[in-house]
Amino acid sequence: MSIDLDVLATFGDRDTHQRFSKFVRPSSLGEEAHTIFKAMEEWYKHNANPVMDWTKFGPWFLLVKHPKLSEEKARIYRACSPTLLAGLPCMACPRWWTG
């Protein structure tokens, strides 16, 4: 898992992602990390910032890209990277909506 997080952090730079993402095989990352990795490509297409803003990517990933994730699956994605997706709300978690 820590290697997955290192890869995600390394590709948090747009230039690095554009230049080297084609060399990352799906089998080289865990399922969740690969899903995040692929979502990063879409994120970069729509956001001009050259460095990943994880505080914006996390909510987009969970609330826009994957809004129907179960609370359990969202928890797995958050665990994938406490620093990348920490503390982000899950649409399936009513406690978040009620405060």
N, C-alpha and C. Protein backbone atom coordinates (compact mmCIF):
# COMPACT_ATOMS: atom_id res chain seq x y z
N MET A 1 0.82 -1.20 0.00
CA MET A 1 0.00 0.00 0.00
C MET A 1 0.86 1.26 0.00
N SER A 2 1.98 1.26 0.73
CA SER A 2 2.78 2.48 0.78
C SER A 2 3.40 2.79 -0.59
N ILE A 3 3.69 1.76 -1.37
CA ILE A 3 4.21 2.01 -2.71
C ILE A 3 3.12 2.67 -3.56
N ASP A 4 1.88 2.20 -3.41
CA ASP A 4 0.77 2.82 -4.14
C ASP A 4 0.68 4.30 -3.80
N LEU A 5 0.80 4.63 -2.53
CA LEU A 5 0.70 6.02 -2.09
C LEU A 5 1.87 6.84 -2.64
N ASP A 6 3.04 6.24 -2.68
CA ASP A 6 4.20 6.93 -3.24
C ASP A 6 3.98 7.23 -4.72
N VAL A 7 3.42 6.27 -5.44
CA VAL A 7 3.14 6.48 -6.87
C VAL A 7 2.13 7.60 -7.04
N LEU A 8 1.04 7.57 -6.28
CA LEU A 8 0.03 8.62 -6.38
C LEU A 8 0.62 9.98 -6.06
N ALA A 9 1.43 10.05 -5.02
CA ALA A 9 2.05 11.33 -4.64
C ALA A 9 3.00 11.81 -5.73
N THR A 10 3.76 10.91 -6.32
CA THR A 10 4.70 11.27 -7.39
C THR A 10 3.95 11.84 -8.59
N PHE A 11 2.82 11.25 -8.92
CA PHE A 11 2.05 11.70 -10.07
C PHE A 11 1.12 12.86 -9.72
N GLY A 12 1.31 13.44 -8.55
CA GLY A 12 0.58 14.64 -8.17
C GLY A 12 1.08 15.87 -8.90
N ASP A 13 2.06 15.70 -9.73
CA ASP A 13 2.59 16.76 -10.59
C ASP A 13 2.08 16.50 -12.01
N ARG A 14 1.41 17.48 -12.59
CA ARG A 14 0.79 17.31 -13.92
C ARG A 14 1.81 16.86 -14.97
N ASP A 15 2.97 17.52 -15.01
CA ASP A 15 3.98 17.18 -16.01
C ASP A 15 4.43 15.73 -15.87
N THR A 16 4.68 15.32 -14.65
CA THR A 16 5.09 13.93 -14.40
C THR A 16 3.99 12.98 -14.85
N HIS A 17 2.74 13.30 -14.53
CA HIS A 17 1.62 12.44 -14.92
C HIS A 17 1.53 12.33 -16.44
N GLN A 18 1.62 13.46 -17.12
CA GLN A 18 1.50 13.44 -18.58
C GLN A 18 2.65 12.69 -19.24
N ARG A 19 3.84 12.82 -18.70
CA ARG A 19 5.01 12.21 -19.31
C ARG A 19 5.15 10.71 -19.02
N PHE A 20 4.76 10.29 -17.82
CA PHE A 20 5.10 8.94 -17.40
C PHE A 20 3.92 8.03 -17.07
N SER A 21 2.70 8.54 -17.06
CA SER A 21 1.56 7.70 -16.67
C SER A 21 1.38 6.49 -17.59
N LYS A 22 1.78 6.63 -18.84
CA LYS A 22 1.63 5.51 -19.78
C LYS A 22 2.49 4.31 -19.41
N PHE A 23 3.47 4.52 -18.53
CA PHE A 23 4.34 3.42 -18.12
C PHE A 23 3.86 2.69 -16.87
N VAL A 24 2.79 3.20 -16.26
CA VAL A 24 2.25 2.56 -15.06
C VAL A 24 1.20 1.55 -15.49
N ARG A 25 1.48 0.30 -15.25
CA ARG A 25 0.54 -0.76 -15.62
C ARG A 25 -0.53 -0.90 -14.56
N PRO A 26 -1.75 -1.21 -14.96
CA PRO A 26 -2.83 -1.41 -13.98
C PRO A 26 -2.47 -2.43 -12.91
N SER A 27 -1.74 -3.45 -13.29
CA SER A 27 -1.39 -4.51 -12.34
C SER A 27 -0.31 -4.08 -11.35
N SER A 28 0.31 -2.91 -11.58
CA SER A 28 1.36 -2.46 -10.67
C SER A 28 0.81 -1.73 -9.45
N LEU A 29 -0.47 -1.42 -9.46
CA LEU A 29 -1.11 -0.73 -8.34
C LEU A 29 -2.27 -1.57 -7.83
N GLY A 30 -2.63 -1.34 -6.58
CA GLY A 30 -3.83 -1.97 -6.05
C GLY A 30 -5.05 -1.39 -6.75
N GLU A 31 -6.18 -2.07 -6.63
CA GLU A 31 -7.40 -1.65 -7.32
C GLU A 31 -7.78 -0.20 -7.00
N GLU A 32 -7.81 0.14 -5.72
CA GLU A 32 -8.22 1.48 -5.32
C GLU A 32 -7.23 2.53 -5.80
N ALA A 33 -5.94 2.25 -5.64
CA ALA A 33 -4.92 3.20 -6.08
C ALA A 33 -4.98 3.40 -7.59
N HIS A 34 -5.25 2.33 -8.34
CA HIS A 34 -5.35 2.46 -9.79
C HIS A 34 -6.57 3.28 -10.18
N THR A 35 -7.67 3.12 -9.46
CA THR A 35 -8.87 3.92 -9.73
C THR A 35 -8.58 5.40 -9.49
N ILE A 36 -7.88 5.70 -8.41
CA ILE A 36 -7.51 7.09 -8.13
C ILE A 36 -6.56 7.60 -9.21
N PHE A 37 -5.60 6.77 -9.60
CA PHE A 37 -4.63 7.14 -10.62
C PHE A 37 -5.32 7.50 -11.93
N LYS A 38 -6.27 6.70 -12.36
CA LYS A 38 -7.00 6.97 -13.60
C LYS A 38 -7.85 8.24 -13.47
N ALA A 39 -8.43 8.46 -12.30
CA ALA A 39 -9.23 9.66 -12.08
C ALA A 39 -8.36 10.91 -12.14
N MET A 40 -7.10 10.78 -11.75
CA MET A 40 -6.19 11.92 -11.81
C MET A 40 -6.04 12.43 -13.24
N GLU A 41 -6.04 11.52 -14.20
CA GLU A 41 -5.94 11.90 -15.61
C GLU A 41 -7.11 12.80 -16.00
N GLU A 42 -8.31 12.40 -15.62
CA GLU A 42 -9.49 13.21 -15.93
C GLU A 42 -9.42 14.55 -15.20
N TRP A 43 -8.98 14.52 -13.95
CA TRP A 43 -8.86 15.75 -13.16
C TRP A 43 -7.94 16.75 -13.87
N TYR A 44 -6.80 16.27 -14.33
CA TYR A 44 -5.84 17.15 -15.00
C TYR A 44 -6.40 17.74 -16.29
N LYS A 45 -7.28 17.03 -16.96
CA LYS A 45 -7.88 17.54 -18.20
C LYS A 45 -8.75 18.76 -17.93
N HIS A 46 -9.34 18.82 -16.73
CA HIS A 46 -10.31 19.88 -16.42
C HIS A 46 -9.80 20.92 -15.44
N ASN A 47 -8.58 20.75 -14.96
CA ASN A 47 -8.02 21.69 -13.98
C ASN A 47 -6.63 22.11 -14.42
N ALA A 48 -6.39 23.39 -14.43
CA ALA A 48 -5.15 23.93 -14.98
C ALA A 48 -3.97 23.91 -14.01
N ASN A 49 -4.22 23.71 -12.74
CA ASN A 49 -3.14 23.75 -11.76
C ASN A 49 -2.08 22.69 -12.08
N PRO A 50 -0.79 23.08 -12.12
CA PRO A 50 0.27 22.12 -12.47
C PRO A 50 0.57 21.11 -11.36
N VAL A 51 0.11 21.40 -10.15
CA VAL A 51 0.33 20.49 -9.02
C VAL A 51 -1.03 20.11 -8.46
N MET A 52 -1.20 18.82 -8.19
CA MET A 52 -2.47 18.31 -7.68
C MET A 52 -2.83 18.99 -6.36
N ASP A 53 -4.03 19.51 -6.30
CA ASP A 53 -4.56 20.05 -5.04
C ASP A 53 -5.43 18.94 -4.46
N TRP A 54 -4.84 18.15 -3.56
CA TRP A 54 -5.54 16.99 -3.01
C TRP A 54 -6.79 17.39 -2.23
N THR A 55 -6.80 18.60 -1.66
CA THR A 55 -7.97 19.02 -0.90
C THR A 55 -9.17 19.26 -1.81
N LYS A 56 -8.93 19.52 -3.09
CA LYS A 56 -10.01 19.67 -4.06
C LYS A 56 -10.28 18.37 -4.80
N PHE A 57 -9.22 17.61 -5.07
CA PHE A 57 -9.38 16.35 -5.79
C PHE A 57 -10.20 15.36 -4.97
N GLY A 58 -9.93 15.26 -3.68
CA GLY A 58 -10.62 14.29 -2.83
C GLY A 58 -12.14 14.41 -2.88
N PRO A 59 -12.67 15.62 -2.60
CA PRO A 59 -14.13 15.77 -2.70
C PRO A 59 -14.66 15.51 -4.10
N TRP A 60 -13.93 15.97 -5.11
CA TRP A 60 -14.36 15.71 -6.50
C TRP A 60 -14.42 14.21 -6.75
N PHE A 61 -13.38 13.49 -6.32
CA PHE A 61 -13.31 12.05 -6.54
C PHE A 61 -14.48 11.33 -5.89
N LEU A 62 -14.76 11.68 -4.63
CA LEU A 62 -15.80 10.96 -3.89
C LEU A 62 -17.21 11.46 -4.18
N LEU A 63 -17.37 12.75 -4.45
CA LEU A 63 -18.72 13.31 -4.60
C LEU A 63 -19.16 13.50 -6.04
N VAL A 64 -18.20 13.67 -6.96
CA VAL A 64 -18.55 13.89 -8.36
C VAL A 64 -18.24 12.66 -9.21
N LYS A 65 -17.01 12.21 -9.13
CA LYS A 65 -16.57 11.08 -9.96
C LYS A 65 -17.21 9.77 -9.52
N HIS A 66 -17.33 9.56 -8.21
CA HIS A 66 -17.89 8.32 -7.68
C HIS A 66 -18.94 8.61 -6.60
N PRO A 67 -20.04 9.26 -6.96
CA PRO A 67 -21.03 9.67 -5.96
C PRO A 67 -21.83 8.53 -5.34
N LYS A 68 -21.83 7.38 -5.96
CA LYS A 68 -22.66 6.28 -5.45
C LYS A 68 -21.86 5.25 -4.67
N LEU A 69 -20.66 5.60 -4.27
CA LEU A 69 -19.87 4.67 -3.46
C LEU A 69 -20.59 4.42 -2.14
N SER A 70 -20.57 3.19 -1.72
CA SER A 70 -21.10 2.88 -0.40
C SER A 70 -20.18 3.49 0.64
N GLU A 71 -20.67 3.64 1.85
CA GLU A 71 -19.85 4.18 2.92
C GLU A 71 -18.61 3.31 3.12
N GLU A 72 -18.79 1.99 3.02
CA GLU A 72 -17.67 1.07 3.21
C GLU A 72 -16.60 1.27 2.14
N LYS A 73 -17.02 1.39 0.88
CA LYS A 73 -16.06 1.57 -0.21
C LYS A 73 -15.38 2.94 -0.10
N ALA A 74 -16.13 3.98 0.26
CA ALA A 74 -15.53 5.31 0.45
C ALA A 74 -14.50 5.26 1.56
N ARG A 75 -14.77 4.50 2.59
CA ARG A 75 -13.82 4.35 3.70
C ARG A 75 -12.52 3.69 3.19
N ILE A 76 -12.67 2.72 2.30
CA ILE A 76 -11.49 2.05 1.73
C ILE A 76 -10.65 3.06 0.94
N TYR A 77 -11.32 3.91 0.15
CA TYR A 77 -10.58 4.92 -0.62
C TYR A 77 -9.90 5.92 0.30
N ARG A 78 -10.57 6.30 1.37
CA ARG A 78 -9.94 7.21 2.32
C ARG A 78 -8.73 6.55 2.97
N ALA A 79 -8.84 5.26 3.28
CA ALA A 79 -7.74 4.52 3.90
C ALA A 79 -6.58 4.36 2.91
N CYS A 80 -6.91 4.36 1.64
CA CYS A 80 -5.89 4.26 0.59
C CYS A 80 -4.87 5.37 0.79
N SER A 81 -5.32 6.49 1.21
CA SER A 81 -4.40 7.59 1.45
C SER A 81 -4.98 8.58 2.44
N PRO A 82 -4.62 8.40 3.68
CA PRO A 82 -5.09 9.34 4.69
C PRO A 82 -4.68 10.78 4.37
N THR A 83 -3.55 10.98 3.75
CA THR A 83 -3.13 12.34 3.44
C THR A 83 -3.77 12.88 2.17
N LEU A 84 -4.15 11.99 1.25
CA LEU A 84 -4.74 12.45 0.00
C LEU A 84 -6.25 12.65 0.10
N LEU A 85 -6.92 11.74 0.78
CA LEU A 85 -8.38 11.79 0.82
C LEU A 85 -8.93 11.86 2.24
N ALA A 86 -8.12 12.25 3.19
CA ALA A 86 -8.52 12.22 4.61
C ALA A 86 -9.69 13.15 4.91
N GLY A 87 -10.56 12.67 5.75
CA GLY A 87 -11.63 13.50 6.27
C GLY A 87 -12.65 13.97 5.27
N LEU A 88 -12.71 13.35 4.12
CA LEU A 88 -13.65 13.80 3.11
C LEU A 88 -14.99 13.11 3.29
N PRO A 89 -16.06 13.84 3.04
CA PRO A 89 -17.39 13.29 3.27
C PRO A 89 -17.79 12.22 2.26
N CYS A 90 -18.69 11.38 2.68
CA CYS A 90 -19.24 10.34 1.82
C CYS A 90 -20.73 10.57 1.68
N MET A 91 -21.23 10.60 0.46
CA MET A 91 -22.66 10.83 0.23
C MET A 91 -23.51 9.77 0.91
N ALA A 92 -22.97 8.58 1.08
CA ALA A 92 -23.74 7.49 1.68
C ALA A 92 -23.72 7.54 3.20
N CYS A 93 -23.06 8.53 3.76
CA CYS A 93 -22.92 8.60 5.21
C CYS A 93 -23.81 9.71 5.75
N PRO A 94 -24.97 9.37 6.29
CA PRO A 94 -25.91 10.39 6.75
C PRO A 94 -25.35 11.25 7.88
N ARG A 95 -24.40 10.73 8.66
CA ARG A 95 -23.82 11.52 9.74
C ARG A 95 -23.15 12.78 9.20
N TRP A 96 -22.56 12.70 8.01
CA TRP A 96 -21.89 13.86 7.44
C TRP A 96 -22.91 14.96 7.13
N TRP A 97 -24.07 14.57 6.61
CA TRP A 97 -25.07 15.56 6.23
C TRP A 97 -25.72 16.21 7.45
N THR A 98 -25.81 15.47 8.53
CA THR A 98 -26.48 16.01 9.72
C THR A 98 -25.50 16.71 10.65
N GLY A 99 -24.21 16.62 10.36
CA GLY A 99 -23.21 17.30 11.19
C GLY A 99 -22.81 16.41 12.30
